[in-house]
C-alpha cells in the first residue's frame, strides 16, 4: 500500500503541474485560450482514469494551489470550478463499477457507470460553473449592453455612414445577453467531453485504464431525464431577467449534450453504409448553421438510452470504489438499461 501511494501522489502532483502550465499558457496566448483551458483537464483526467481518485484529487489540489500562488486566489477558484473539479469528477464516475447481478445481469460480469450518466453530470457541472462564473463577474444586461455599444462604436469608426436602427440595436442587446452563456456553456461541454474522450484513448493505449474503452457511436447517448431539464431551460428563456439567463445556460449545456448524442447516433446509423463518409462530412460542416444543428439535437432527443459496459469480474474485486479495476477488454454484450 505504501508503494502504491508513493506512485499515486507523484503522478497526481505532476498532473497538477502540467494542468497549471496549460492554464498559464491559455492566459498568455489568448488566440488558443479555450483549447488550452480545455486541455488543462487532460492531465487530471489521465491521472484519475489511470491511477484513481487520489491521483485526481492530488492533481486538482496541486493545480489550484499553484494557480493561487502564481496568479491569484480568485483565478484558482475559477479554474477549479470550470475545469479541474469537473475533470476529477468525470474520472471518478468513469471508474465506478458494481456487480452486474445488481442490475439483473450475470454474476460473473461487472457493470460500469453509463456514459450517458457521465455526460449528464458533465452538462450539470458546466451549467453550475457558468452560472457561478457569471455571478462572480457580474454578468448581465449592463455588461452585454456595454459590449454591444463598444462594437457599434468601432463599426461607426470604420464606417462613418453606418447608422444602426434603435429598435434593431435593442433587439441585438436582448439576444446577446442570452446567446453568450448559451454558446459558452455548449462549447465548454463539448471541449471537456473531447478532453475526456482523448484521455480515455491515451490511458487505454497505455494499459493503465481502470475502465474498458467503449464504442462511442453506440454508447454516447443522453439520459432520458435530461430531456426534462432541457425543456425547463427552454421555458426559462421566456421568463426574462435572471431566470432567462439561467435557462439559456441550461439550453446551451444540455443542448450540446444532445448535439453530441445526435452525432454519435448518426455515426452508429451510418455504419457500413455507402453514404457514410460524405454524409458525415456534410453533417459536420452543416452543423455550423442553425437548422442542421437543431436537426441533430432533435435526433439526440429521439435516441435517449443508458448503455452499460460489462466486463468479467476479477478475483478479489471491491465494488463501489472508483479504483475498481476490470478486464480492459469490454464484453461484446452491452445491454441498454431503460430505467
C-alpha atoms as a PDB file:
ATOM      1  CA  UNK A   1       0.000   0.000   0.000  1.00  0.00           C
ATOM      2  CA  UNK A   2       2.898   2.367   0.798  1.00  0.00           C
ATOM      3  CA  UNK A   3       4.473   1.719  -2.597  1.00  0.00           C
ATOM      4  CA  UNK A   4       1.123   2.325  -4.254  1.00  0.00           C
ATOM      5  CA  UNK A   5       0.710   5.690  -2.523  1.00  0.00           C
ATOM      6  CA  UNK A   6       4.293   6.590  -3.409  1.00  0.00           C
ATOM      7  CA  UNK A   7       3.374   6.114  -7.054  1.00  0.00           C
ATOM      8  CA  UNK A   8      -0.074   7.725  -6.978  1.00  0.00           C
ATOM      9  CA  UNK A   9       0.804  11.004  -5.257  1.00  0.00           C
ATOM     10  CA  UNK A  10       3.708  11.940  -7.561  1.00  0.00           C
ATOM     11  CA  UNK A  11       1.516  11.178 -10.577  1.00  0.00           C
ATOM     12  CA  UNK A  12      -1.216  13.443  -9.194  1.00  0.00           C
ATOM     13  CA  UNK A  13       1.220  16.245  -8.389  1.00  0.00           C
ATOM     14  CA  UNK A  14       2.768  16.002 -11.858  1.00  0.00           C
ATOM     15  CA  UNK A  15      -0.718  16.149 -13.415  1.00  0.00           C
ATOM     16  CA  UNK A  16      -1.483  19.277 -11.382  1.00  0.00           C
ATOM     17  CA  UNK A  17       1.758  20.952 -12.516  1.00  0.00           C
ATOM     18  CA  UNK A  18       1.039  20.188 -16.183  1.00  0.00           C
ATOM     19  CA  UNK A  19      -2.536  21.447 -15.811  1.00  0.00           C
ATOM     20  CA  UNK A  20      -1.246  24.697 -14.281  1.00  0.00           C
ATOM     21  CA  UNK A  21       1.228  25.215 -17.121  1.00  0.00           C
ATOM     22  CA  UNK A  22      -1.566  24.767 -19.663  1.00  0.00           C
ATOM     23  CA  UNK A  23      -3.776  27.267 -17.843  1.00  0.00           C
ATOM     24  CA  UNK A  24      -0.949  29.792 -17.690  1.00  0.00           C
ATOM     25  CA  UNK A  25      -0.362  29.196 -21.394  1.00  0.00           C
ATOM     26  CA  UNK A  26      -4.022  29.979 -22.037  1.00  0.00           C
ATOM     27  CA  UNK A  27      -3.593  33.301 -20.242  1.00  0.00           C
ATOM     28  CA  UNK A  28      -0.501  34.131 -22.274  1.00  0.00           C
ATOM     29  CA  UNK A  29      -1.914  33.040 -25.664  1.00  0.00           C
ATOM     30  CA  UNK A  30      -5.471  34.323 -25.943  1.00  0.00           C
ATOM     31  CA  UNK A  31      -5.878  33.068 -29.533  1.00  0.00           C
ATOM     32  CA  UNK A  32      -5.965  29.457 -28.282  1.00  0.00           C
ATOM     33  CA  UNK A  33      -7.230  30.169 -24.765  1.00  0.00           C
ATOM     34  CA  UNK A  34     -10.320  27.937 -24.959  1.00  0.00           C
ATOM     35  CA  UNK A  35      -8.378  24.969 -26.321  1.00  0.00           C
ATOM     36  CA  UNK A  36      -5.601  25.344 -23.747  1.00  0.00           C
ATOM     37  CA  UNK A  37      -8.084  25.707 -20.883  1.00  0.00           C
ATOM     38  CA  UNK A  38      -9.867  22.544 -22.029  1.00  0.00           C
ATOM     39  CA  UNK A  39      -6.519  20.785 -22.480  1.00  0.00           C
ATOM     40  CA  UNK A  40      -5.697  21.574 -18.841  1.00  0.00           C
ATOM     41  CA  UNK A  41      -8.349  18.996 -17.921  1.00  0.00           C
ATOM     42  CA  UNK A  42      -6.401  16.263 -19.736  1.00  0.00           C
ATOM     43  CA  UNK A  43      -3.694  15.668 -17.078  1.00  0.00           C
ATOM     44  CA  UNK A  44      -6.302  15.431 -14.308  1.00  0.00           C
ATOM     45  CA  UNK A  45      -8.431  13.062 -16.385  1.00  0.00           C
ATOM     46  CA  UNK A  46      -5.470  10.870 -17.277  1.00  0.00           C
ATOM     47  CA  UNK A  47      -4.347  10.695 -13.634  1.00  0.00           C
ATOM     48  CA  UNK A  48      -7.869   9.876 -12.441  1.00  0.00           C
ATOM     49  CA  UNK A  49      -8.663   7.342 -15.163  1.00  0.00           C
ATOM     50  CA  UNK A  50      -5.338   5.553 -14.808  1.00  0.00           C
ATOM     51  CA  UNK A  51      -4.495   5.872 -11.105  1.00  0.00           C
ATOM     52  CA  UNK A  52      -7.812   6.534  -9.374  1.00  0.00           C
ATOM     53  CA  UNK A  53      -9.372   9.172  -7.143  1.00  0.00           C
ATOM     54  CA  UNK A  54      -6.335  10.004  -5.030  1.00  0.00           C
ATOM     55  CA  UNK A  55      -4.242  10.901  -8.052  1.00  0.00           C
ATOM     56  CA  UNK A  56      -7.026  13.120  -9.422  1.00  0.00           C
ATOM     57  CA  UNK A  57      -7.532  14.848  -6.056  1.00  0.00           C
ATOM     58  CA  UNK A  58      -3.786  15.435  -5.701  1.00  0.00           C
ATOM     59  CA  UNK A  59      -3.745  16.916  -9.206  1.00  0.00           C
ATOM     60  CA  UNK A  60      -6.680  19.245  -8.526  1.00  0.00           C
ATOM     61  CA  UNK A  61      -5.219  20.476  -5.237  1.00  0.00           C
ATOM     62  CA  UNK A  62      -1.745  20.970  -6.755  1.00  0.00           C
ATOM     63  CA  UNK A  63      -3.089  22.922  -9.725  1.00  0.00           C
ATOM     64  CA  UNK A  64      -5.329  25.077  -7.519  1.00  0.00           C
ATOM     65  CA  UNK A  65      -2.508  25.922  -5.105  1.00  0.00           C
ATOM     66  CA  UNK A  66      -0.092  26.772  -7.918  1.00  0.00           C
ATOM     67  CA  UNK A  67      -2.698  28.929  -9.657  1.00  0.00           C
ATOM     68  CA  UNK A  68      -3.370  30.787  -6.400  1.00  0.00           C
ATOM     69  CA  UNK A  69       0.337  31.407  -5.794  1.00  0.00           C
ATOM     70  CA  UNK A  70       1.280  32.301  -9.386  1.00  0.00           C
ATOM     71  CA  UNK A  71      -1.815  34.325 -10.329  1.00  0.00           C
ATOM     72  CA  UNK A  72      -4.457  34.917  -7.634  1.00  0.00           C
ATOM     73  CA  UNK A  73      -6.792  33.001  -5.310  1.00  0.00           C
ATOM     74  CA  UNK A  74      -9.828  34.131  -7.349  1.00  0.00           C
ATOM     75  CA  UNK A  75      -8.224  32.786 -10.521  1.00  0.00           C
ATOM     76  CA  UNK A  76      -7.514  29.489  -8.770  1.00  0.00           C
ATOM     77  CA  UNK A  77     -11.142  29.162  -7.640  1.00  0.00           C
ATOM     78  CA  UNK A  78     -12.428  29.941 -11.140  1.00  0.00           C
ATOM     79  CA  UNK A  79     -10.057  27.421 -12.722  1.00  0.00           C
ATOM     80  CA  UNK A  80     -11.012  24.749 -10.199  1.00  0.00           C
ATOM     81  CA  UNK A  81     -14.751  25.252 -10.724  1.00  0.00           C
ATOM     82  CA  UNK A  82     -14.650  25.466 -14.509  1.00  0.00           C
ATOM     83  CA  UNK A  83     -12.021  22.849 -15.384  1.00  0.00           C
ATOM     84  CA  UNK A  84     -10.287  20.961 -12.579  1.00  0.00           C
ATOM     85  CA  UNK A  85     -13.219  19.769 -10.471  1.00  0.00           C
ATOM     86  CA  UNK A  86     -15.310  18.636 -13.481  1.00  0.00           C
ATOM     87  CA  UNK A  87     -12.291  16.695 -14.784  1.00  0.00           C
ATOM     88  CA  UNK A  88     -11.750  14.993 -11.434  1.00  0.00           C
ATOM     89  CA  UNK A  89     -15.436  14.178 -11.085  1.00  0.00           C
ATOM     90  CA  UNK A  90     -15.652  12.713 -14.600  1.00  0.00           C
ATOM     91  CA  UNK A  91     -12.698  10.420 -13.902  1.00  0.00           C
ATOM     92  CA  UNK A  92     -14.322   9.357 -10.623  1.00  0.00           C
ATOM     93  CA  UNK A  93     -17.614   8.493 -12.348  1.00  0.00           C
ATOM     94  CA  UNK A  94     -15.867   6.669 -15.187  1.00  0.00           C
ATOM     95  CA  UNK A  95     -14.148   4.330 -12.714  1.00  0.00           C
ATOM     96  CA  UNK A  96     -17.306   3.402 -10.787  1.00  0.00           C
ATOM     97  CA  UNK A  97     -18.436  -0.209 -11.175  1.00  0.00           C
ATOM     98  CA  UNK A  98     -20.673  -2.735  -9.425  1.00  0.00           C
ATOM     99  CA  UNK A  99     -21.732  -6.360  -9.933  1.00  0.00           C
ATOM    100  CA  UNK A 100     -23.925  -6.820 -12.985  1.00  0.00           C
ATOM    101  CA  UNK A 101     -26.149  -9.092 -10.877  1.00  0.00           C
ATOM    102  CA  UNK A 102     -27.452  -5.996  -9.064  1.00  0.00           C
ATOM    103  CA  UNK A 103     -28.913  -4.874 -12.406  1.00  0.00           C
ATOM    104  CA  UNK A 104     -30.298  -8.270 -13.314  1.00  0.00           C
ATOM    105  CA  UNK A 105     -27.216  -9.365 -15.257  1.00  0.00           C
ATOM    106  CA  UNK A 106     -24.866 -12.365 -14.940  1.00  0.00           C
ATOM    107  CA  UNK A 107     -22.928 -12.872 -11.700  1.00  0.00           C
ATOM    108  CA  UNK A 108     -19.539 -13.087 -13.422  1.00  0.00           C
ATOM    109  CA  UNK A 109     -19.687  -9.615 -15.010  1.00  0.00           C
ATOM    110  CA  UNK A 110     -19.041  -6.063 -13.806  1.00  0.00           C
ATOM    111  CA  UNK A 111     -21.336  -3.171 -14.818  1.00  0.00           C
ATOM    112  CA  UNK A 112     -19.628   0.188 -15.352  1.00  0.00           C
ATOM    113  CA  UNK A 113     -21.175   3.615 -14.848  1.00  0.00           C
ATOM    114  CA  UNK A 114     -23.016   4.525 -18.093  1.00  0.00           C
ATOM    115  CA  UNK A 115     -21.543   7.088 -20.480  1.00  0.00           C
ATOM    116  CA  UNK A 116     -24.993   8.706 -20.722  1.00  0.00           C
ATOM    117  CA  UNK A 117     -24.959   9.453 -16.998  1.00  0.00           C
ATOM    118  CA  UNK A 118     -21.391  10.759 -17.189  1.00  0.00           C
ATOM    119  CA  UNK A 119     -22.474  13.165 -19.937  1.00  0.00           C
ATOM    120  CA  UNK A 120     -25.488  14.196 -17.848  1.00  0.00           C
ATOM    121  CA  UNK A 121     -23.196  15.023 -14.915  1.00  0.00           C
ATOM    122  CA  UNK A 122     -20.889  16.978 -17.227  1.00  0.00           C
ATOM    123  CA  UNK A 123     -23.764  19.110 -18.531  1.00  0.00           C
ATOM    124  CA  UNK A 124     -24.905  19.810 -14.975  1.00  0.00           C
ATOM    125  CA  UNK A 125     -21.395  20.674 -13.755  1.00  0.00           C
ATOM    126  CA  UNK A 126     -20.762  23.074 -16.629  1.00  0.00           C
ATOM    127  CA  UNK A 127     -24.159  24.690 -16.068  1.00  0.00           C
ATOM    128  CA  UNK A 128     -23.315  25.359 -12.427  1.00  0.00           C
ATOM    129  CA  UNK A 129     -19.808  26.549 -13.351  1.00  0.00           C
ATOM    130  CA  UNK A 130     -21.035  29.029 -15.973  1.00  0.00           C
ATOM    131  CA  UNK A 131     -23.708  30.403 -13.618  1.00  0.00           C
ATOM    132  CA  UNK A 132     -21.156  30.726 -10.783  1.00  0.00           C
ATOM    133  CA  UNK A 133     -18.710  32.496 -13.085  1.00  0.00           C
ATOM    134  CA  UNK A 134     -21.475  34.843 -14.218  1.00  0.00           C
ATOM    135  CA  UNK A 135     -22.260  35.725 -10.606  1.00  0.00           C
ATOM    136  CA  UNK A 136     -18.587  36.409  -9.845  1.00  0.00           C
ATOM    137  CA  UNK A 137     -18.028  38.715 -12.841  1.00  0.00           C
ATOM    138  CA  UNK A 138     -21.451  40.377 -12.513  1.00  0.00           C
ATOM    139  CA  UNK A 139     -22.732  39.171 -15.868  1.00  0.00           C
ATOM    140  CA  UNK A 140     -25.972  40.751 -17.003  1.00  0.00           C
ATOM    141  CA  UNK A 141     -27.610  43.207 -19.424  1.00  0.00           C
ATOM    142  CA  UNK A 142     -25.393  46.082 -18.295  1.00  0.00           C
ATOM    143  CA  UNK A 143     -22.233  44.207 -19.246  1.00  0.00           C
ATOM    144  CA  UNK A 144     -23.543  42.975 -22.605  1.00  0.00           C
ATOM    145  CA  UNK A 145     -25.022  46.393 -23.453  1.00  0.00           C
ATOM    146  CA  UNK A 146     -21.598  47.934 -22.973  1.00  0.00           C
ATOM    147  CA  UNK A 147     -20.093  45.269 -25.243  1.00  0.00           C
ATOM    148  CA  UNK A 148     -22.656  45.929 -27.987  1.00  0.00           C
ATOM    149  CA  UNK A 149     -22.168  49.698 -27.669  1.00  0.00           C
ATOM    150  CA  UNK A 150     -18.397  49.266 -27.939  1.00  0.00           C
ATOM    151  CA  UNK A 151     -18.750  47.093 -31.073  1.00  0.00           C
ATOM    152  CA  UNK A 152     -21.195  49.595 -32.591  1.00  0.00           C
ATOM    153  CA  UNK A 153     -18.792  52.475 -31.901  1.00  0.00           C
ATOM    154  CA  UNK A 154     -15.946  50.518 -33.513  1.00  0.00           C
ATOM    155  CA  UNK A 155     -18.062  49.892 -36.617  1.00  0.00           C
ATOM    156  CA  UNK A 156     -19.007  53.548 -36.816  1.00  0.00           C
ATOM    157  CA  UNK A 157     -15.337  54.499 -36.605  1.00  0.00           C
ATOM    158  CA  UNK A 158     -14.543  52.239 -39.556  1.00  0.00           C
ATOM    159  CA  UNK A 159     -17.718  53.099 -41.470  1.00  0.00           C
ATOM    160  CA  UNK A 160     -18.891  56.647 -40.651  1.00  0.00           C
ATOM    161  CA  UNK A 161     -22.027  56.105 -42.745  1.00  0.00           C
ATOM    162  CA  UNK A 162     -23.117  53.203 -40.532  1.00  0.00           C
ATOM    163  CA  UNK A 163     -26.214  54.201 -38.541  1.00  0.00           C
ATOM    164  CA  UNK A 164     -27.791  51.341 -36.560  1.00  0.00           C
ATOM    165  CA  UNK A 165     -31.539  51.308 -36.045  1.00  0.00           C
ATOM    166  CA  UNK A 166     -32.502  51.899 -32.393  1.00  0.00           C
ATOM    167  CA  UNK A 167     -35.044  49.054 -32.284  1.00  0.00           C
ATOM    168  CA  UNK A 168     -32.654  46.678 -34.029  1.00  0.00           C
ATOM    169  CA  UNK A 169     -29.890  47.607 -31.612  1.00  0.00           C
ATOM    170  CA  UNK A 170     -32.173  46.966 -28.627  1.00  0.00           C
ATOM    171  CA  UNK A 171     -33.142  43.568 -30.056  1.00  0.00           C
ATOM    172  CA  UNK A 172     -29.479  42.700 -30.571  1.00  0.00           C
ATOM    173  CA  UNK A 173     -28.724  43.581 -26.948  1.00  0.00           C
ATOM    174  CA  UNK A 174     -31.567  41.394 -25.680  1.00  0.00           C
ATOM    175  CA  UNK A 175     -30.298  38.482 -27.790  1.00  0.00           C
ATOM    176  CA  UNK A 176     -26.630  38.831 -26.836  1.00  0.00           C
ATOM    177  CA  UNK A 177     -27.336  38.598 -23.113  1.00  0.00           C
ATOM    178  CA  UNK A 178     -28.829  35.135 -23.689  1.00  0.00           C
ATOM    179  CA  UNK A 179     -26.627  33.920 -26.529  1.00  0.00           C
ATOM    180  CA  UNK A 180     -23.296  34.396 -24.739  1.00  0.00           C
ATOM    181  CA  UNK A 181     -23.941  31.989 -21.814  1.00  0.00           C
ATOM    182  CA  UNK A 182     -25.694  29.589 -24.191  1.00  0.00           C
ATOM    183  CA  UNK A 183     -22.728  29.333 -26.556  1.00  0.00           C
ATOM    184  CA  UNK A 184     -20.156  29.454 -23.776  1.00  0.00           C
ATOM    185  CA  UNK A 185     -21.819  26.596 -21.896  1.00  0.00           C
ATOM    186  CA  UNK A 186     -22.354  24.496 -25.025  1.00  0.00           C
ATOM    187  CA  UNK A 187     -18.804  24.892 -26.314  1.00  0.00           C
ATOM    188  CA  UNK A 188     -17.359  24.126 -22.888  1.00  0.00           C
ATOM    189  CA  UNK A 189     -19.353  20.884 -22.595  1.00  0.00           C
ATOM    190  CA  UNK A 190     -18.065  19.725 -25.983  1.00  0.00           C
ATOM    191  CA  UNK A 191     -14.456  20.693 -25.228  1.00  0.00           C
ATOM    192  CA  UNK A 192     -14.430  18.941 -21.850  1.00  0.00           C
ATOM    193  CA  UNK A 193     -16.017  15.801 -23.275  1.00  0.00           C
ATOM    194  CA  UNK A 194     -13.439  15.844 -26.083  1.00  0.00           C
ATOM    195  CA  UNK A 195     -10.735  16.007 -23.387  1.00  0.00           C
ATOM    196  CA  UNK A 196     -12.397  13.070 -21.599  1.00  0.00           C
ATOM    197  CA  UNK A 197     -12.511  11.049 -24.837  1.00  0.00           C
ATOM    198  CA  UNK A 198      -8.844  11.762 -25.620  1.00  0.00           C
ATOM    199  CA  UNK A 199      -7.855  10.864 -22.050  1.00  0.00           C
ATOM    200  CA  UNK A 200      -9.721   7.543 -22.326  1.00  0.00           C
ATOM    201  CA  UNK A 201      -7.871   6.764 -25.564  1.00  0.00           C
ATOM    202  CA  UNK A 202      -4.475   7.633 -24.074  1.00  0.00           C
ATOM    203  CA  UNK A 203      -4.987   5.663 -20.862  1.00  0.00           C
ATOM    204  CA  UNK A 204      -6.399   2.650 -22.751  1.00  0.00           C
ATOM    205  CA  UNK A 205      -3.355   2.515 -25.014  1.00  0.00           C
ATOM    206  CA  UNK A 206      -1.019   2.762 -22.030  1.00  0.00           C
ATOM    207  CA  UNK A 207      -2.609  -0.275 -20.375  1.00  0.00           C
ATOM    208  CA  UNK A 208      -3.406   1.693 -17.201  1.00  0.00           C
ATOM    209  CA  UNK A 209      -7.143   2.021 -17.887  1.00  0.00           C
ATOM    210  CA  UNK A 210      -9.393   1.042 -14.991  1.00  0.00           C
ATOM    211  CA  UNK A 211     -12.455   1.196 -17.253  1.00  0.00           C
ATOM    212  CA  UNK A 212     -12.808  -0.644 -20.567  1.00  0.00           C
ATOM    213  CA  UNK A 213     -12.842   1.500 -23.674  1.00  0.00           C
ATOM    214  CA  UNK A 214     -16.318   1.636 -25.217  1.00  0.00           C
ATOM    215  CA  UNK A 215     -17.606   2.199 -28.719  1.00  0.00           C
ATOM    216  CA  UNK A 216     -18.750   5.826 -28.541  1.00  0.00           C
ATOM    217  CA  UNK A 217     -21.186   5.719 -31.509  1.00  0.00           C
ATOM    218  CA  UNK A 218     -23.253   3.100 -29.665  1.00  0.00           C
ATOM    219  CA  UNK A 219     -22.606   4.227 -26.068  1.00  0.00           C
ATOM    220  CA  UNK A 220     -22.764   8.040 -26.272  1.00  0.00           C
ATOM    221  CA  UNK A 221     -26.377   8.957 -25.590  1.00  0.00           C
ATOM    222  CA  UNK A 222     -28.087  11.325 -23.162  1.00  0.00           C
ATOM    223  CA  UNK A 223     -30.057  10.098 -20.176  1.00  0.00           C
ATOM    224  CA  UNK A 224     -33.797  10.438 -20.784  1.00  0.00           C
ATOM    225  CA  UNK A 225     -34.151  12.600 -17.658  1.00  0.00           C
ATOM    226  CA  UNK A 226     -32.031  15.242 -19.399  1.00  0.00           C
ATOM    227  CA  UNK A 227     -34.981  15.930 -21.722  1.00  0.00           C
ATOM    228  CA  UNK A 228     -36.980  17.462 -18.865  1.00  0.00           C
ATOM    229  CA  UNK A 229     -34.040  19.617 -17.768  1.00  0.00           C
ATOM    230  CA  UNK A 230     -33.558  20.826 -21.336  1.00  0.00           C
ATOM    231  CA  UNK A 231     -37.250  21.666 -21.719  1.00  0.00           C
ATOM    232  CA  UNK A 232     -37.191  23.521 -18.377  1.00  0.00           C
ATOM    233  CA  UNK A 233     -34.293  25.584 -19.717  1.00  0.00           C
ATOM    234  CA  UNK A 234     -36.247  26.420 -22.871  1.00  0.00           C
ATOM    235  CA  UNK A 235     -39.215  27.600 -20.798  1.00  0.00           C
ATOM    236  CA  UNK A 236     -36.983  29.696 -18.541  1.00  0.00           C
ATOM    237  CA  UNK A 237     -35.634  31.542 -21.582  1.00  0.00           C
ATOM    238  CA  UNK A 238     -39.055  33.179 -21.969  1.00  0.00           C
ATOM    239  CA  UNK A 239     -39.234  34.252 -18.318  1.00  0.00           C
ATOM    240  CA  UNK A 240     -36.922  37.240 -18.717  1.00  0.00           C
ATOM    241  CA  UNK A 241     -34.260  38.566 -16.346  1.00  0.00           C
ATOM    242  CA  UNK A 242     -32.015  36.232 -14.377  1.00  0.00           C
ATOM    243  CA  UNK A 243     -34.214  33.123 -14.967  1.00  0.00           C
ATOM    244  CA  UNK A 244     -33.854  33.670 -18.727  1.00  0.00           C
ATOM    245  CA  UNK A 245     -30.058  33.787 -18.454  1.00  0.00           C
ATOM    246  CA  UNK A 246     -30.084  30.593 -16.367  1.00  0.00           C
ATOM    247  CA  UNK A 247     -32.406  28.969 -18.897  1.00  0.00           C
ATOM    248  CA  UNK A 248     -30.114  29.995 -21.766  1.00  0.00           C
ATOM    249  CA  UNK A 249     -27.171  28.404 -19.963  1.00  0.00           C
ATOM    250  CA  UNK A 250     -29.134  25.166 -19.484  1.00  0.00           C
ATOM    251  CA  UNK A 251     -30.168  25.180 -23.149  1.00  0.00           C
ATOM    252  CA  UNK A 252     -26.539  25.604 -24.201  1.00  0.00           C
ATOM    253  CA  UNK A 253     -25.033  22.905 -21.975  1.00  0.00           C
ATOM    254  CA  UNK A 254     -27.728  20.256 -22.341  1.00  0.00           C
ATOM    255  CA  UNK A 255     -28.269  21.173 -25.987  1.00  0.00           C
ATOM    256  CA  UNK A 256     -24.570  20.430 -26.565  1.00  0.00           C
ATOM    257  CA  UNK A 257     -25.063  17.048 -24.887  1.00  0.00           C
ATOM    258  CA  UNK A 258     -27.947  16.208 -27.200  1.00  0.00           C
ATOM    259  CA  UNK A 259     -25.957  17.521 -30.180  1.00  0.00           C
ATOM    260  CA  UNK A 260     -23.076  15.143 -29.419  1.00  0.00           C
ATOM    261  CA  UNK A 261     -25.587  12.357 -28.856  1.00  0.00           C
ATOM    262  CA  UNK A 262     -27.109  13.138 -32.252  1.00  0.00           C
ATOM    263  CA  UNK A 263     -23.714  12.924 -33.933  1.00  0.00           C
ATOM    264  CA  UNK A 264     -22.993   9.618 -32.166  1.00  0.00           C
ATOM    265  CA  UNK A 265     -26.363   8.276 -33.292  1.00  0.00           C
ATOM    266  CA  UNK A 266     -25.610   9.390 -36.839  1.00  0.00           C
ATOM    267  CA  UNK A 267     -22.237   7.610 -36.717  1.00  0.00           C
ATOM    268  CA  UNK A 268     -23.946   4.461 -35.425  1.00  0.00           C
ATOM    269  CA  UNK A 269     -26.753   4.525 -38.008  1.00  0.00           C
ATOM    270  CA  UNK A 270     -24.361   5.134 -40.910  1.00  0.00           C
ATOM    271  CA  UNK A 271     -22.113   2.136 -40.231  1.00  0.00           C
ATOM    272  CA  UNK A 272     -21.479   0.019 -43.338  1.00  0.00           C
ATOM    273  CA  UNK A 273     -23.462   2.463 -45.482  1.00  0.00           C
ATOM    274  CA  UNK A 274     -22.125   3.701 -48.807  1.00  0.00           C
ATOM    275  CA  UNK A 275     -23.014   7.295 -47.998  1.00  0.00           C
ATOM    276  CA  UNK A 276     -21.287   7.247 -44.585  1.00  0.00           C
ATOM    277  CA  UNK A 277     -18.234   9.414 -45.374  1.00  0.00           C
ATOM    278  CA  UNK A 278     -19.916  12.136 -47.459  1.00  0.00           C
ATOM    279  CA  UNK A 279     -22.912  12.129 -45.137  1.00  0.00           C
ATOM    280  CA  UNK A 280     -20.787  12.619 -42.016  1.00  0.00           C
ATOM    281  CA  UNK A 281     -18.630  15.296 -43.648  1.00  0.00           C
ATOM    282  CA  UNK A 282     -21.739  17.163 -44.784  1.00  0.00           C
ATOM    283  CA  UNK A 283     -23.279  16.859 -41.307  1.00  0.00           C
ATOM    284  CA  UNK A 284     -20.216  18.253 -39.546  1.00  0.00           C
ATOM    285  CA  UNK A 285     -19.915  21.139 -41.990  1.00  0.00           C
ATOM    286  CA  UNK A 286     -23.615  21.999 -41.950  1.00  0.00           C
ATOM    287  CA  UNK A 287     -23.891  21.956 -38.137  1.00  0.00           C
ATOM    288  CA  UNK A 288     -22.347  25.431 -38.208  1.00  0.00           C
ATOM    289  CA  UNK A 289     -25.788  26.565 -39.370  1.00  0.00           C
ATOM    290  CA  UNK A 290     -28.755  26.740 -37.009  1.00  0.00           C
ATOM    291  CA  UNK A 291     -31.281  24.417 -38.699  1.00  0.00           C
ATOM    292  CA  UNK A 292     -28.913  21.433 -39.252  1.00  0.00           C
ATOM    293  CA  UNK A 293     -27.703  21.774 -35.657  1.00  0.00           C
ATOM    294  CA  UNK A 294     -31.308  21.744 -34.408  1.00  0.00           C
ATOM    295  CA  UNK A 295     -31.971  18.631 -36.529  1.00  0.00           C
ATOM    296  CA  UNK A 296     -29.048  16.834 -34.858  1.00  0.00           C
ATOM    297  CA  UNK A 297     -30.244  17.939 -31.423  1.00  0.00           C
ATOM    298  CA  UNK A 298     -33.686  16.511 -32.240  1.00  0.00           C
ATOM    299  CA  UNK A 299     -32.001  13.253 -33.307  1.00  0.00           C
ATOM    300  CA  UNK A 300     -30.269  13.178 -29.929  1.00  0.00           C
ATOM    301  CA  UNK A 301     -33.571  13.853 -28.168  1.00  0.00           C
ATOM    302  CA  UNK A 302     -35.196  10.950 -30.012  1.00  0.00           C
ATOM    303  CA  UNK A 303     -32.483   8.448 -29.071  1.00  0.00           C
ATOM    304  CA  UNK A 304     -32.009   8.596 -25.300  1.00  0.00           C
ATOM    305  CA  UNK A 305     -30.796   5.466 -23.503  1.00  0.00           C
ATOM    306  CA  UNK A 306     -28.279   4.119 -20.982  1.00  0.00           C
ATOM    307  CA  UNK A 307     -25.798   1.669 -22.480  1.00  0.00           C
ATOM    308  CA  UNK A 308     -23.889  -0.182 -19.762  1.00  0.00           C
ATOM    309  CA  UNK A 309     -20.477  -1.728 -20.463  1.00  0.00           C
ATOM    310  CA  UNK A 310     -19.902  -5.171 -18.950  1.00  0.00           C
ATOM    311  CA  UNK A 311     -16.577  -6.866 -18.206  1.00  0.00           C
ATOM    312  CA  UNK A 312     -15.588 -10.086 -16.412  1.00  0.00           C
ATOM    313  CA  UNK A 313     -15.121  -9.922 -12.640  1.00  0.00           C
ATOM    314  CA  UNK A 314     -11.589 -10.172 -11.338  1.00  0.00           C
ATOM    315  CA  UNK A 315     -10.837 -12.133  -8.185  1.00  0.00           C
ATOM    316  CA  UNK A 316     -10.746 -10.037  -5.025  1.00  0.00           C
ATOM    317  CA  UNK A 317     -12.632  -7.104  -6.553  1.00  0.00           C
ATOM    318  CA  UNK A 318     -14.083  -4.477  -4.187  1.00  0.00           C
ATOM    319  CA  UNK A 319     -17.092  -2.790  -5.714  1.00  0.00           C
ATOM    320  CA  UNK A 320     -18.172   0.753  -5.008  1.00  0.00           C
ATOM    321  CA  UNK A 321     -14.640   2.197  -5.152  1.00  0.00           C
ATOM    322  CA  UNK A 322     -13.530   4.357  -8.020  1.00  0.00           C
ATOM    323  CA  UNK A 323     -10.269   2.434  -8.163  1.00  0.00           C
ATOM    324  CA  UNK A 324     -12.101  -0.772  -9.042  1.00  0.00           C
ATOM    325  CA  UNK A 325     -10.387  -2.442 -11.972  1.00  0.00           C
ATOM    326  CA  UNK A 326     -11.741  -4.802 -14.541  1.00  0.00           C
ATOM    327  CA  UNK A 327     -10.612  -6.570 -17.675  1.00  0.00           C
ATOM    328  CA  UNK A 328      -9.543  -3.989 -20.257  1.00  0.00           C
ATOM    329  CA  UNK A 329     -11.477  -5.755 -22.994  1.00  0.00           C
ATOM    330  CA  UNK A 330     -15.187  -4.915 -22.936  1.00  0.00           C
ATOM    331  CA  UNK A 331     -17.699  -7.704 -23.174  1.00  0.00           C
ATOM    332  CA  UNK A 332     -19.493  -7.840 -26.506  1.00  0.00           C
ATOM    333  CA  UNK A 333     -22.863  -7.574 -24.773  1.00  0.00           C
ATOM    334  CA  UNK A 334     -23.686  -4.039 -23.687  1.00  0.00           C
ATOM    335  CA  UNK A 335     -27.367  -4.094 -22.813  1.00  0.00           C
ATOM    336  CA  UNK A 336     -29.399  -0.890 -22.784  1.00  0.00           C
ATOM    337  CA  UNK A 337     -30.836  -0.077 -19.387  1.00  0.00           C
ATOM    338  CA  UNK A 338     -34.007   1.932 -19.979  1.00  0.00           C
ATOM    339  CA  UNK A 339     -34.687   2.526 -16.291  1.00  0.00           C
END
